[in-house]
Every structure is written in C-alpha cells, then in structure tokens.
C-alpha cells in the first residue's frame, strides 16, 4: 500500500516562498515519477509539475514555470516543491501523487493512482 504524506504548507505573503515535502512509502520510490497538483476552491485539480524517477527531467505547468522547482531525494523517499515569488492565485490545496505505472510523464490527474492528503497553501496580497 502506497502512502504519501505532504507537509510544509502555510500562510505566506505575496512574493514569499514555501517548500513543500512529500514523504512516500509502500513501494520502491526511486522507480516512479512523482507529480504535484493543486486545487483551489471551486476549481478542478490542476497539474503543477512532475519529476522523473532519477530527478533528471522535470515538467511544469506554464503558470508556475520559472517560479516553482521540483526535486527529489531517493535516499529519503521524498519529493519537494520549492515555490518562489508566490502569488495570491497560487492559493490552493497542494497534493503530491504517484502514477500506477513506471511509464510516461503524465499531466492528467487520472493518470495518477496514489495521492497524499494535501496541504494548504495560502498567499495573501
């Protein structure tokens, strides 16, 4: 059974930074791509970015490109989301997720089989 646990959310002023962490357990972490998503009230869950199994390739949504960075530490079974230059529109619950298979670089939430419980990020103006 895969378990994903996010941490690091909170309240920050616009222009500030936060780093989210996602600790994984249950299967060989280093074999799988990891994704980050977010969901604002009244909106659909949207892709933020993902990182391949080795950390050598990342993919980001246009809305966060250049501001957010995903990294991973396979020795610690942990993936990170560094968020800089935060904007009020970044306010959302942020989720980490893991696909069911080892293949591809999916952006669609439906391609991910395992999800964390989410952590709230609130950016004040």
Protein backbone atom coordinates (compact mmCIF):
# COMPACT_ATOMS: atom_id res chain seq x y z
CA UNK A 1 0.00 0.00 0.00
CA UNK A 2 1.47 3.33 -1.10
CA UNK A 3 1.28 6.19 1.37
CA UNK A 4 2.10 9.80 0.52
CA UNK A 5 2.26 12.47 3.21
CA UNK A 6 2.67 16.16 2.36
CA UNK A 7 3.94 18.82 4.71
CA UNK A 8 5.17 22.39 4.62
CA UNK A 9 2.06 24.33 3.71
CA UNK A 10 1.06 27.55 5.39
CA UNK A 11 0.31 31.23 5.04
CA UNK A 12 2.76 33.47 3.20
CA UNK A 13 2.70 36.96 1.77
CA UNK A 14 2.79 37.56 -1.95
CA UNK A 15 6.36 37.40 -3.21
CA UNK A 16 7.36 34.96 -0.50
CA UNK A 17 8.50 31.36 -0.65
CA UNK A 18 7.48 27.97 0.71
CA UNK A 19 8.88 24.48 0.34
CA UNK A 20 6.53 21.53 0.39
CA UNK A 21 7.68 18.00 1.09
CA UNK A 22 6.07 14.69 0.27
CA UNK A 23 7.27 11.55 2.02
CA UNK A 24 6.46 8.28 0.29
CA UNK A 25 6.31 4.71 1.48
CA UNK A 26 4.98 1.40 0.29
CA UNK A 27 6.90 0.62 -2.90
CA UNK A 28 10.26 1.39 -4.46
CA UNK A 29 10.14 5.17 -4.61
CA UNK A 30 13.10 5.55 -6.95
CA UNK A 31 11.34 3.67 -9.75
CA UNK A 32 8.47 6.14 -10.12
CA UNK A 33 7.82 9.60 -11.43
CA UNK A 34 6.22 11.92 -8.89
CA UNK A 35 3.74 14.68 -9.57
CA UNK A 36 2.43 17.77 -7.82
CA UNK A 37 -1.10 19.09 -8.29
CA UNK A 38 -3.20 21.80 -6.71
CA UNK A 39 -6.86 22.52 -6.26
CA UNK A 40 -8.36 25.89 -5.44
CA UNK A 41 -11.91 26.23 -4.06
CA UNK A 42 -14.48 25.76 -6.79
CA UNK A 43 -11.89 24.74 -9.35
CA UNK A 44 -10.70 21.46 -10.80
CA UNK A 45 -7.49 19.85 -9.67
CA UNK A 46 -4.69 21.09 -11.91
CA UNK A 47 -1.23 19.90 -12.81
CA UNK A 48 1.67 21.81 -11.26
CA UNK A 49 4.62 19.69 -12.34
CA UNK A 50 6.33 16.34 -12.20
CA UNK A 51 9.78 14.85 -11.89
CA UNK A 52 11.04 11.61 -13.39
CA UNK A 53 12.41 8.72 -11.36
CA UNK A 54 16.01 9.94 -11.34
CA UNK A 55 15.30 13.64 -10.93
CA UNK A 56 16.92 14.33 -14.27
CA UNK A 57 13.79 15.54 -16.02
CA UNK A 58 11.01 17.83 -14.90
CA UNK A 59 7.86 19.20 -16.48
CA UNK A 60 5.96 22.27 -15.26
CA UNK A 61 2.68 23.98 -15.94
CA UNK A 62 3.13 27.32 -17.68
CA UNK A 63 1.58 29.10 -14.71
CA UNK A 64 4.43 28.09 -12.39
CA UNK A 65 7.36 27.74 -14.77
CA UNK A 66 10.34 29.78 -13.58
CA UNK A 67 8.90 30.16 -10.06
CA UNK A 68 8.47 26.58 -8.83
CA UNK A 69 11.10 23.84 -8.73
CA UNK A 70 10.56 20.14 -8.10
CA UNK A 71 13.35 17.98 -6.75
CA UNK A 72 13.64 14.60 -5.10
CA UNK A 73 15.86 12.68 -2.71
CA UNK A 74 15.52 8.99 -3.46
CA UNK A 75 17.56 8.07 -0.39
CA UNK A 76 14.89 9.76 1.75
CA UNK A 77 11.89 8.69 -0.37
CA UNK A 78 10.91 12.34 -0.53
CA UNK A 79 9.93 14.77 -3.26
CA UNK A 80 9.96 18.54 -2.82
CA UNK A 81 8.18 21.51 -4.32
CA UNK A 82 10.06 24.79 -3.88
CA UNK A 83 7.72 27.69 -4.53
CA UNK A 84 9.16 31.17 -5.01
CA UNK A 85 7.60 34.50 -5.97
CA UNK A 86 4.26 33.28 -4.75
CA UNK A 87 1.10 34.99 -5.95
CA UNK A 88 -2.40 35.08 -4.44
CA UNK A 89 -3.58 32.92 -7.34
CA UNK A 90 -1.26 30.16 -6.11
CA UNK A 91 -3.57 29.71 -3.11
CA UNK A 92 -4.80 26.11 -3.14
CA UNK A 93 -4.50 22.71 -1.53
CA UNK A 94 -1.38 21.09 -2.91
CA UNK A 95 -1.14 17.35 -3.46
CA UNK A 96 1.67 15.02 -4.37
CA UNK A 97 0.82 11.97 -6.43
CA UNK A 98 2.35 8.86 -7.93
CA UNK A 99 1.29 7.10 -11.11
CA UNK A 100 0.23 3.49 -11.11
CA UNK A 101 2.87 2.59 -13.69
CA UNK A 102 6.50 3.48 -14.29
CA UNK A 103 5.96 4.74 -17.83
CA UNK A 104 5.26 8.14 -19.32
CA UNK A 105 5.20 11.67 -17.98
CA UNK A 106 1.55 12.26 -17.30
CA UNK A 107 -0.13 15.58 -16.60
CA UNK A 108 -3.69 14.34 -16.18
CA UNK A 109 -4.85 13.62 -12.61
CA UNK A 110 -6.49 10.43 -13.85
CA UNK A 111 -3.07 9.01 -14.71
CA UNK A 112 -2.08 9.03 -11.04
CA UNK A 113 -3.10 6.18 -8.78
CA UNK A 114 -1.90 7.36 -5.39
CA UNK A 115 -2.46 10.69 -3.67
CA UNK A 116 -1.48 12.39 -0.47
CA UNK A 117 -3.97 14.09 1.81
CA UNK A 118 -2.98 17.57 0.65
CA UNK A 119 -1.50 20.61 2.36
CA UNK A 120 -2.99 24.10 2.29
CA UNK A 121 -1.01 26.97 0.82
CA UNK A 122 -2.46 30.45 1.27
CA UNK A 123 -0.84 33.50 -0.31
CA UNK A 124 -2.01 36.85 0.96
CA UNK A 125 -1.86 40.01 -1.12
